[in-house]
Amino acid sequence: MKIDLTFWQKKTYEDYGDKDQDLGFEQVHLRALKTVGDLAELLHGKNRCELEELLSNLVSWIISLANLSGVELGKIEISCDFKDWDVYSLYTSLVSDIADLSKEKMRSWKEIYVRAIKECIGLGWKYGISLVKEFQRRYITDGIDENVENKI
């Protein structure tokens, strides 16, 4: 399945671009890291609603970092890349990818942002969470968009 992140990236920029610019890359990155830490606590809990919200927030932080770095995410292929991965492996890979973004030379590497987003989606799948539905709840307020699955 291909997901077009262009729409989500545009909406994230419209909603948070000015705030993100004011904060700067380092502060947005620290907020993403804090969200990753908060996620660790929820992965062992049973609060699916909070987990869904936190995963969506983390994807938004990752997209904000891509916006600040001038990385256009575009369409990405989402498959069962992580179906054989356990939750711990997905989480530790996500932590590593978010940490790598602190290195200035890696901030322009689209594949790190894409992999981190895929890991968030993979974690959601492990818990029966559709980030597409959460995205739709957040951004599609004037009726349901039947093609939202293709837009992410």
N, C-alpha and C. Protein backbone atom coordinates (compact mmCIF):
# COMPACT_ATOMS: atom_id res chain seq x y z
N MET A 1 0.85 -1.16 0.00
CA MET A 1 0.00 0.00 0.00
C MET A 1 0.90 1.23 0.00
N LYS A 2 0.58 2.18 -0.85
CA LYS A 2 1.30 3.45 -0.87
C LYS A 2 0.49 4.48 -0.09
N ILE A 3 1.21 5.26 0.67
CA ILE A 3 0.58 6.33 1.43
C ILE A 3 1.26 7.63 1.02
N ASP A 4 0.45 8.62 0.69
CA ASP A 4 0.98 9.92 0.30
C ASP A 4 1.01 10.81 1.53
N LEU A 5 2.22 11.09 2.00
CA LEU A 5 2.37 11.93 3.19
C LEU A 5 2.34 13.42 2.87
N THR A 6 2.22 13.76 1.59
CA THR A 6 2.24 15.16 1.17
C THR A 6 1.14 15.95 1.89
N PHE A 7 -0.05 15.39 1.94
CA PHE A 7 -1.19 16.08 2.57
C PHE A 7 -0.93 16.29 4.06
N TRP A 8 -0.49 15.24 4.75
CA TRP A 8 -0.22 15.33 6.18
C TRP A 8 0.92 16.32 6.44
N GLN A 9 1.95 16.27 5.59
CA GLN A 9 3.06 17.20 5.75
C GLN A 9 2.60 18.65 5.56
N LYS A 10 1.76 18.86 4.57
CA LYS A 10 1.23 20.21 4.31
C LYS A 10 0.39 20.70 5.49
N LYS A 11 -0.49 19.84 5.99
CA LYS A 11 -1.34 20.21 7.13
C LYS A 11 -0.51 20.48 8.38
N THR A 12 0.51 19.67 8.59
CA THR A 12 1.38 19.87 9.75
C THR A 12 2.09 21.22 9.64
N TYR A 13 2.54 21.54 8.44
CA TYR A 13 3.20 22.84 8.23
C TYR A 13 2.21 23.99 8.45
N GLU A 14 1.00 23.86 7.91
CA GLU A 14 -0.01 24.91 8.08
C GLU A 14 -0.34 25.13 9.56
N ASP A 15 -0.47 24.03 10.29
CA ASP A 15 -0.89 24.11 11.69
C ASP A 15 0.25 24.47 12.64
N TYR A 16 1.46 24.00 12.35
CA TYR A 16 2.55 24.14 13.32
C TYR A 16 3.81 24.78 12.76
N GLY A 17 3.84 25.11 11.47
CA GLY A 17 5.06 25.61 10.84
C GLY A 17 5.67 26.82 11.53
N ASP A 18 4.84 27.81 11.86
CA ASP A 18 5.37 29.01 12.53
C ASP A 18 5.91 28.68 13.92
N LYS A 19 5.15 27.88 14.67
CA LYS A 19 5.60 27.49 16.01
C LYS A 19 6.89 26.69 15.93
N ASP A 20 6.95 25.77 14.97
CA ASP A 20 8.15 24.95 14.81
C ASP A 20 9.36 25.81 14.44
N GLN A 21 9.15 26.79 13.56
CA GLN A 21 10.24 27.69 13.19
C GLN A 21 10.73 28.46 14.41
N ASP A 22 9.79 28.93 15.23
CA ASP A 22 10.17 29.67 16.44
C ASP A 22 10.95 28.78 17.41
N LEU A 23 10.53 27.52 17.53
CA LEU A 23 11.22 26.60 18.43
C LEU A 23 12.59 26.22 17.90
N GLY A 24 12.67 25.98 16.61
CA GLY A 24 13.92 25.52 16.00
C GLY A 24 14.04 24.01 16.03
N PHE A 25 14.94 23.50 15.22
CA PHE A 25 15.07 22.05 15.06
C PHE A 25 15.37 21.34 16.39
N GLU A 26 16.31 21.89 17.16
CA GLU A 26 16.74 21.21 18.39
C GLU A 26 15.59 21.05 19.38
N GLN A 27 14.78 22.09 19.56
CA GLN A 27 13.66 22.01 20.50
C GLN A 27 12.57 21.06 20.00
N VAL A 28 12.29 21.09 18.71
CA VAL A 28 11.30 20.17 18.16
C VAL A 28 11.82 18.74 18.30
N HIS A 29 13.11 18.56 18.06
CA HIS A 29 13.71 17.23 18.21
C HIS A 29 13.61 16.75 19.65
N LEU A 30 13.86 17.62 20.61
CA LEU A 30 13.73 17.25 22.03
C LEU A 30 12.29 16.85 22.36
N ARG A 31 11.34 17.53 21.78
CA ARG A 31 9.93 17.18 22.02
C ARG A 31 9.59 15.82 21.41
N ALA A 32 10.18 15.54 20.26
CA ALA A 32 9.98 14.22 19.65
C ALA A 32 10.59 13.14 20.55
N LEU A 33 11.79 13.40 21.08
CA LEU A 33 12.43 12.44 21.99
C LEU A 33 11.60 12.23 23.26
N LYS A 34 11.02 13.31 23.79
CA LYS A 34 10.17 13.17 24.98
C LYS A 34 8.96 12.30 24.65
N THR A 35 8.39 12.50 23.48
CA THR A 35 7.24 11.70 23.07
C THR A 35 7.63 10.23 22.93
N VAL A 36 8.83 9.96 22.41
CA VAL A 36 9.33 8.58 22.32
C VAL A 36 9.44 7.98 23.72
N GLY A 37 9.92 8.78 24.69
CA GLY A 37 10.00 8.31 26.08
C GLY A 37 8.63 8.02 26.66
N ASP A 38 7.68 8.92 26.41
CA ASP A 38 6.31 8.71 26.89
C ASP A 38 5.71 7.45 26.26
N LEU A 39 6.08 7.20 25.01
CA LEU A 39 5.58 6.03 24.30
C LEU A 39 6.02 4.74 24.99
N ALA A 40 7.24 4.72 25.51
CA ALA A 40 7.76 3.52 26.19
C ALA A 40 6.85 3.11 27.34
N GLU A 41 6.37 4.10 28.09
CA GLU A 41 5.48 3.80 29.21
C GLU A 41 4.15 3.20 28.75
N LEU A 42 3.64 3.69 27.62
CA LEU A 42 2.33 3.24 27.17
C LEU A 42 2.36 1.89 26.46
N LEU A 43 3.51 1.51 25.93
CA LEU A 43 3.57 0.25 25.16
C LEU A 43 3.24 -0.96 26.01
N HIS A 44 3.45 -0.85 27.31
CA HIS A 44 3.15 -1.98 28.19
C HIS A 44 1.81 -1.83 28.89
N GLY A 45 1.17 -0.71 28.69
CA GLY A 45 -0.13 -0.46 29.30
C GLY A 45 -1.27 -0.94 28.41
N LYS A 46 -2.43 -0.65 28.83
CA LYS A 46 -3.62 -1.09 28.11
C LYS A 46 -4.43 0.06 27.54
N ASN A 47 -3.92 1.29 27.64
CA ASN A 47 -4.70 2.44 27.20
C ASN A 47 -4.47 2.69 25.71
N ARG A 48 -5.26 2.02 24.91
CA ARG A 48 -5.14 2.07 23.45
C ARG A 48 -5.39 3.48 22.91
N CYS A 49 -6.32 4.19 23.50
CA CYS A 49 -6.65 5.54 23.05
C CYS A 49 -5.45 6.49 23.23
N GLU A 50 -4.81 6.42 24.39
CA GLU A 50 -3.64 7.26 24.64
C GLU A 50 -2.49 6.88 23.72
N LEU A 51 -2.34 5.59 23.48
CA LEU A 51 -1.28 5.10 22.59
C LEU A 51 -1.49 5.62 21.17
N GLU A 52 -2.72 5.57 20.71
CA GLU A 52 -3.06 6.08 19.38
C GLU A 52 -2.73 7.57 19.28
N GLU A 53 -3.10 8.33 20.28
CA GLU A 53 -2.84 9.77 20.30
C GLU A 53 -1.33 10.04 20.31
N LEU A 54 -0.60 9.31 21.12
CA LEU A 54 0.85 9.52 21.22
C LEU A 54 1.57 9.14 19.93
N LEU A 55 1.18 8.04 19.30
CA LEU A 55 1.79 7.65 18.02
C LEU A 55 1.52 8.71 16.96
N SER A 56 0.30 9.22 16.94
CA SER A 56 -0.04 10.28 15.98
C SER A 56 0.77 11.55 16.25
N ASN A 57 0.91 11.89 17.53
CA ASN A 57 1.72 13.06 17.88
C ASN A 57 3.17 12.87 17.45
N LEU A 58 3.69 11.66 17.64
CA LEU A 58 5.07 11.39 17.27
C LEU A 58 5.26 11.51 15.76
N VAL A 59 4.31 10.99 14.99
CA VAL A 59 4.41 11.14 13.53
C VAL A 59 4.38 12.62 13.17
N SER A 60 3.55 13.40 13.84
CA SER A 60 3.50 14.85 13.57
C SER A 60 4.83 15.51 13.91
N TRP A 61 5.47 15.11 15.02
CA TRP A 61 6.78 15.67 15.36
C TRP A 61 7.81 15.30 14.29
N ILE A 62 7.77 14.06 13.83
CA ILE A 62 8.71 13.62 12.80
C ILE A 62 8.49 14.43 11.53
N ILE A 63 7.24 14.65 11.17
CA ILE A 63 6.93 15.45 9.98
C ILE A 63 7.37 16.90 10.19
N SER A 64 7.20 17.43 11.39
CA SER A 64 7.68 18.78 11.67
C SER A 64 9.19 18.86 11.49
N LEU A 65 9.91 17.85 11.94
CA LEU A 65 11.37 17.83 11.76
C LEU A 65 11.73 17.79 10.28
N ALA A 66 10.98 17.00 9.52
CA ALA A 66 11.22 16.95 8.06
C ALA A 66 10.96 18.32 7.45
N ASN A 67 9.88 18.98 7.87
CA ASN A 67 9.58 20.33 7.36
C ASN A 67 10.72 21.30 7.67
N LEU A 68 11.20 21.26 8.90
CA LEU A 68 12.28 22.16 9.29
C LEU A 68 13.57 21.89 8.52
N SER A 69 13.74 20.65 8.08
CA SER A 69 14.95 20.26 7.34
C SER A 69 14.77 20.37 5.84
N GLY A 70 13.57 20.74 5.39
CA GLY A 70 13.32 20.86 3.96
C GLY A 70 13.19 19.53 3.24
N VAL A 71 12.83 18.49 3.96
CA VAL A 71 12.68 17.15 3.37
C VAL A 71 11.22 16.94 2.99
N GLU A 72 10.99 16.68 1.71
CA GLU A 72 9.64 16.37 1.24
C GLU A 72 9.44 14.86 1.30
N LEU A 73 8.43 14.44 2.03
CA LEU A 73 8.23 13.00 2.27
C LEU A 73 7.52 12.31 1.11
N GLY A 74 6.53 12.96 0.52
CA GLY A 74 5.84 12.39 -0.63
C GLY A 74 5.19 11.05 -0.34
N LYS A 75 5.19 10.19 -1.35
CA LYS A 75 4.56 8.87 -1.23
C LYS A 75 5.56 7.87 -0.68
N ILE A 76 5.09 7.05 0.24
CA ILE A 76 5.93 5.99 0.78
C ILE A 76 5.19 4.67 0.67
N GLU A 77 5.93 3.62 0.53
CA GLU A 77 5.37 2.28 0.45
C GLU A 77 5.26 1.72 1.86
N ILE A 78 4.06 1.34 2.23
CA ILE A 78 3.84 0.71 3.53
C ILE A 78 3.43 -0.73 3.24
N SER A 79 4.22 -1.64 3.71
CA SER A 79 3.88 -3.05 3.54
C SER A 79 3.97 -3.69 4.91
N CYS A 80 4.10 -4.94 4.92
CA CYS A 80 4.23 -5.65 6.20
C CYS A 80 5.71 -5.71 6.59
N ASP A 81 6.42 -4.60 6.39
CA ASP A 81 7.85 -4.55 6.72
C ASP A 81 8.13 -5.05 8.13
N PHE A 82 7.23 -4.77 9.03
CA PHE A 82 7.49 -5.02 10.44
C PHE A 82 6.63 -6.14 11.02
N LYS A 83 5.99 -6.91 10.16
CA LYS A 83 5.05 -7.91 10.68
C LYS A 83 5.75 -8.96 11.54
N ASP A 84 7.00 -9.24 11.26
CA ASP A 84 7.72 -10.24 12.04
C ASP A 84 8.52 -9.64 13.19
N TRP A 85 8.46 -8.33 13.32
CA TRP A 85 9.19 -7.65 14.39
C TRP A 85 8.34 -7.64 15.66
N ASP A 86 8.97 -7.81 16.80
CA ASP A 86 8.22 -7.65 18.05
C ASP A 86 8.21 -6.16 18.42
N VAL A 87 7.38 -5.82 19.38
CA VAL A 87 7.20 -4.43 19.78
C VAL A 87 8.53 -3.83 20.24
N TYR A 88 9.32 -4.59 21.00
CA TYR A 88 10.59 -4.08 21.51
C TYR A 88 11.54 -3.72 20.36
N SER A 89 11.62 -4.57 19.35
CA SER A 89 12.49 -4.30 18.20
C SER A 89 12.03 -3.06 17.44
N LEU A 90 10.73 -2.93 17.23
CA LEU A 90 10.21 -1.74 16.56
C LEU A 90 10.53 -0.48 17.35
N TYR A 91 10.32 -0.55 18.66
CA TYR A 91 10.55 0.62 19.50
C TYR A 91 12.03 1.01 19.51
N THR A 92 12.92 0.04 19.68
CA THR A 92 14.34 0.38 19.74
C THR A 92 14.84 0.92 18.40
N SER A 93 14.32 0.41 17.31
CA SER A 93 14.69 0.95 16.00
C SER A 93 14.19 2.38 15.85
N LEU A 94 12.98 2.65 16.34
CA LEU A 94 12.41 4.00 16.30
C LEU A 94 13.27 4.96 17.13
N VAL A 95 13.66 4.54 18.33
CA VAL A 95 14.51 5.36 19.19
C VAL A 95 15.81 5.70 18.47
N SER A 96 16.41 4.71 17.83
CA SER A 96 17.66 4.92 17.10
C SER A 96 17.48 5.92 15.96
N ASP A 97 16.39 5.78 15.21
CA ASP A 97 16.15 6.69 14.08
C ASP A 97 15.92 8.12 14.55
N ILE A 98 15.14 8.30 15.61
CA ILE A 98 14.89 9.65 16.13
C ILE A 98 16.21 10.24 16.65
N ALA A 99 17.02 9.43 17.32
CA ALA A 99 18.31 9.91 17.82
C ALA A 99 19.22 10.31 16.67
N ASP A 100 19.20 9.56 15.58
CA ASP A 100 20.05 9.88 14.43
C ASP A 100 19.76 11.26 13.86
N LEU A 101 18.54 11.72 14.00
CA LEU A 101 18.17 13.03 13.47
C LEU A 101 18.85 14.17 14.23
N SER A 102 19.46 13.87 15.37
CA SER A 102 20.20 14.90 16.09
C SER A 102 21.52 15.22 15.39
N LYS A 103 21.96 14.33 14.52
CA LYS A 103 23.21 14.54 13.79
C LYS A 103 22.91 15.38 12.56
N GLU A 104 23.50 16.56 12.51
CA GLU A 104 23.19 17.51 11.44
C GLU A 104 23.32 16.90 10.05
N LYS A 105 24.32 16.07 9.82
CA LYS A 105 24.53 15.50 8.49
C LYS A 105 23.40 14.53 8.09
N MET A 106 22.64 14.03 9.06
CA MET A 106 21.58 13.07 8.75
C MET A 106 20.21 13.72 8.62
N ARG A 107 20.09 14.99 8.94
CA ARG A 107 18.78 15.65 8.93
C ARG A 107 18.15 15.72 7.55
N SER A 108 18.94 15.62 6.52
CA SER A 108 18.39 15.71 5.17
C SER A 108 18.14 14.33 4.56
N TRP A 109 18.33 13.27 5.32
CA TRP A 109 18.15 11.92 4.80
C TRP A 109 16.68 11.51 4.90
N LYS A 110 15.99 11.59 3.82
CA LYS A 110 14.56 11.28 3.78
C LYS A 110 14.27 9.89 4.35
N GLU A 111 15.16 8.93 4.07
CA GLU A 111 14.88 7.55 4.50
C GLU A 111 14.78 7.40 6.01
N ILE A 112 15.46 8.26 6.77
CA ILE A 112 15.35 8.16 8.23
C ILE A 112 13.95 8.59 8.68
N TYR A 113 13.46 9.68 8.13
CA TYR A 113 12.10 10.14 8.47
C TYR A 113 11.06 9.09 8.06
N VAL A 114 11.23 8.57 6.85
CA VAL A 114 10.27 7.58 6.34
C VAL A 114 10.31 6.33 7.20
N ARG A 115 11.49 5.86 7.54
CA ARG A 115 11.59 4.65 8.37
C ARG A 115 10.97 4.88 9.74
N ALA A 116 11.19 6.05 10.34
CA ALA A 116 10.61 6.35 11.65
C ALA A 116 9.08 6.38 11.57
N ILE A 117 8.55 6.95 10.50
CA ILE A 117 7.09 6.96 10.34
C ILE A 117 6.57 5.55 10.15
N LYS A 118 7.26 4.75 9.36
CA LYS A 118 6.86 3.35 9.17
C LYS A 118 6.89 2.58 10.49
N GLU A 119 7.89 2.87 11.32
CA GLU A 119 7.96 2.20 12.62
C GLU A 119 6.79 2.59 13.50
N CYS A 120 6.38 3.86 13.45
CA CYS A 120 5.19 4.29 14.21
C CYS A 120 3.95 3.56 13.70
N ILE A 121 3.82 3.48 12.39
CA ILE A 121 2.67 2.77 11.81
C ILE A 121 2.73 1.30 12.20
N GLY A 122 3.92 0.70 12.16
CA GLY A 122 4.08 -0.70 12.55
C GLY A 122 3.71 -0.94 14.00
N LEU A 123 4.13 -0.02 14.89
CA LEU A 123 3.73 -0.15 16.30
C LEU A 123 2.22 -0.04 16.44
N GLY A 124 1.63 0.87 15.70
CA GLY A 124 0.17 0.99 15.72
C GLY A 124 -0.49 -0.30 15.30
N TRP A 125 0.00 -0.91 14.22
CA TRP A 125 -0.58 -2.17 13.74
C TRP A 125 -0.49 -3.25 14.81
N LYS A 126 0.61 -3.29 15.55
CA LYS A 126 0.77 -4.30 16.60
C LYS A 126 -0.33 -4.19 17.66
N TYR A 127 -0.87 -2.99 17.81
CA TYR A 127 -1.92 -2.75 18.81
C TYR A 127 -3.30 -2.53 18.18
N GLY A 128 -3.41 -2.84 16.90
CA GLY A 128 -4.69 -2.68 16.22
C GLY A 128 -5.09 -1.23 16.00
N ILE A 129 -4.12 -0.35 15.88
CA ILE A 129 -4.37 1.08 15.73
C ILE A 129 -4.10 1.49 14.30
N SER A 130 -5.05 2.22 13.73
CA SER A 130 -4.87 2.78 12.40
C SER A 130 -4.55 4.26 12.52
N LEU A 131 -3.32 4.63 12.21
CA LEU A 131 -2.97 6.04 12.25
C LEU A 131 -3.71 6.83 11.18
N VAL A 132 -4.16 6.13 10.13
CA VAL A 132 -4.95 6.79 9.09
C VAL A 132 -6.26 7.31 9.69
N LYS A 133 -6.89 6.50 10.52
CA LYS A 133 -8.15 6.93 11.15
C LYS A 133 -7.91 8.09 12.12
N GLU A 134 -6.81 8.04 12.85
CA GLU A 134 -6.49 9.14 13.76
C GLU A 134 -6.22 10.41 12.97
N PHE A 135 -5.52 10.29 11.87
CA PHE A 135 -5.26 11.43 11.01
C PHE A 135 -6.58 12.01 10.50
N GLN A 136 -7.48 11.13 10.08
CA GLN A 136 -8.77 11.59 9.57
C GLN A 136 -9.54 12.32 10.67
N ARG A 137 -9.50 11.81 11.88
CA ARG A 137 -10.19 12.46 12.99
C ARG A 137 -9.63 13.86 13.23
N ARG A 138 -8.32 14.02 13.11
CA ARG A 138 -7.68 15.31 13.37
C ARG A 138 -7.91 16.32 12.27
N TYR A 139 -7.85 15.88 11.02
CA TYR A 139 -7.76 16.84 9.93
C TYR A 139 -8.97 16.89 8.99
N ILE A 140 -9.74 15.86 8.93
CA ILE A 140 -10.88 15.87 8.02
C ILE A 140 -12.12 16.19 8.84
N THR A 141 -12.41 17.47 8.97
CA THR A 141 -13.52 17.88 9.84
C THR A 141 -14.77 18.22 9.05
N ASP A 142 -14.65 18.37 7.74
CA ASP A 142 -15.81 18.76 6.94
C ASP A 142 -16.34 17.57 6.14
N GLY A 143 -16.55 16.47 6.83
CA GLY A 143 -17.04 15.27 6.17
C GLY A 143 -15.92 14.26 6.01
N ILE A 144 -16.31 13.05 5.74
CA ILE A 144 -15.35 11.97 5.61
C ILE A 144 -14.82 11.92 4.19
N ASP A 145 -13.51 11.86 4.07
CA ASP A 145 -12.86 11.74 2.78
C ASP A 145 -12.65 10.25 2.49
N GLU A 146 -13.34 9.76 1.50
CA GLU A 146 -13.27 8.32 1.18
C GLU A 146 -11.89 7.89 0.72
N ASN A 147 -11.08 8.81 0.24
CA ASN A 147 -9.74 8.47 -0.25
C ASN A 147 -8.66 8.72 0.79
N VAL A 148 -9.02 8.89 2.06
CA VAL A 148 -8.04 9.23 3.08
C VAL A 148 -6.97 8.16 3.22
N GLU A 149 -7.29 6.91 2.96
CA GLU A 149 -6.29 5.84 3.04
C GLU A 149 -5.15 6.07 2.08
N ASN A 150 -5.42 6.71 0.95
CA ASN A 150 -4.38 6.96 -0.03
C ASN A 150 -3.62 8.25 0.23
N LYS A 151 -4.10 9.06 1.15
CA LYS A 151 -3.47 10.35 1.45
C LYS A 151 -2.64 10.29 2.70
N ILE A 152 -2.77 9.33 3.42
CA ILE A 152 -2.59 9.06 4.82
C ILE A 152 -3.27 10.12 5.47
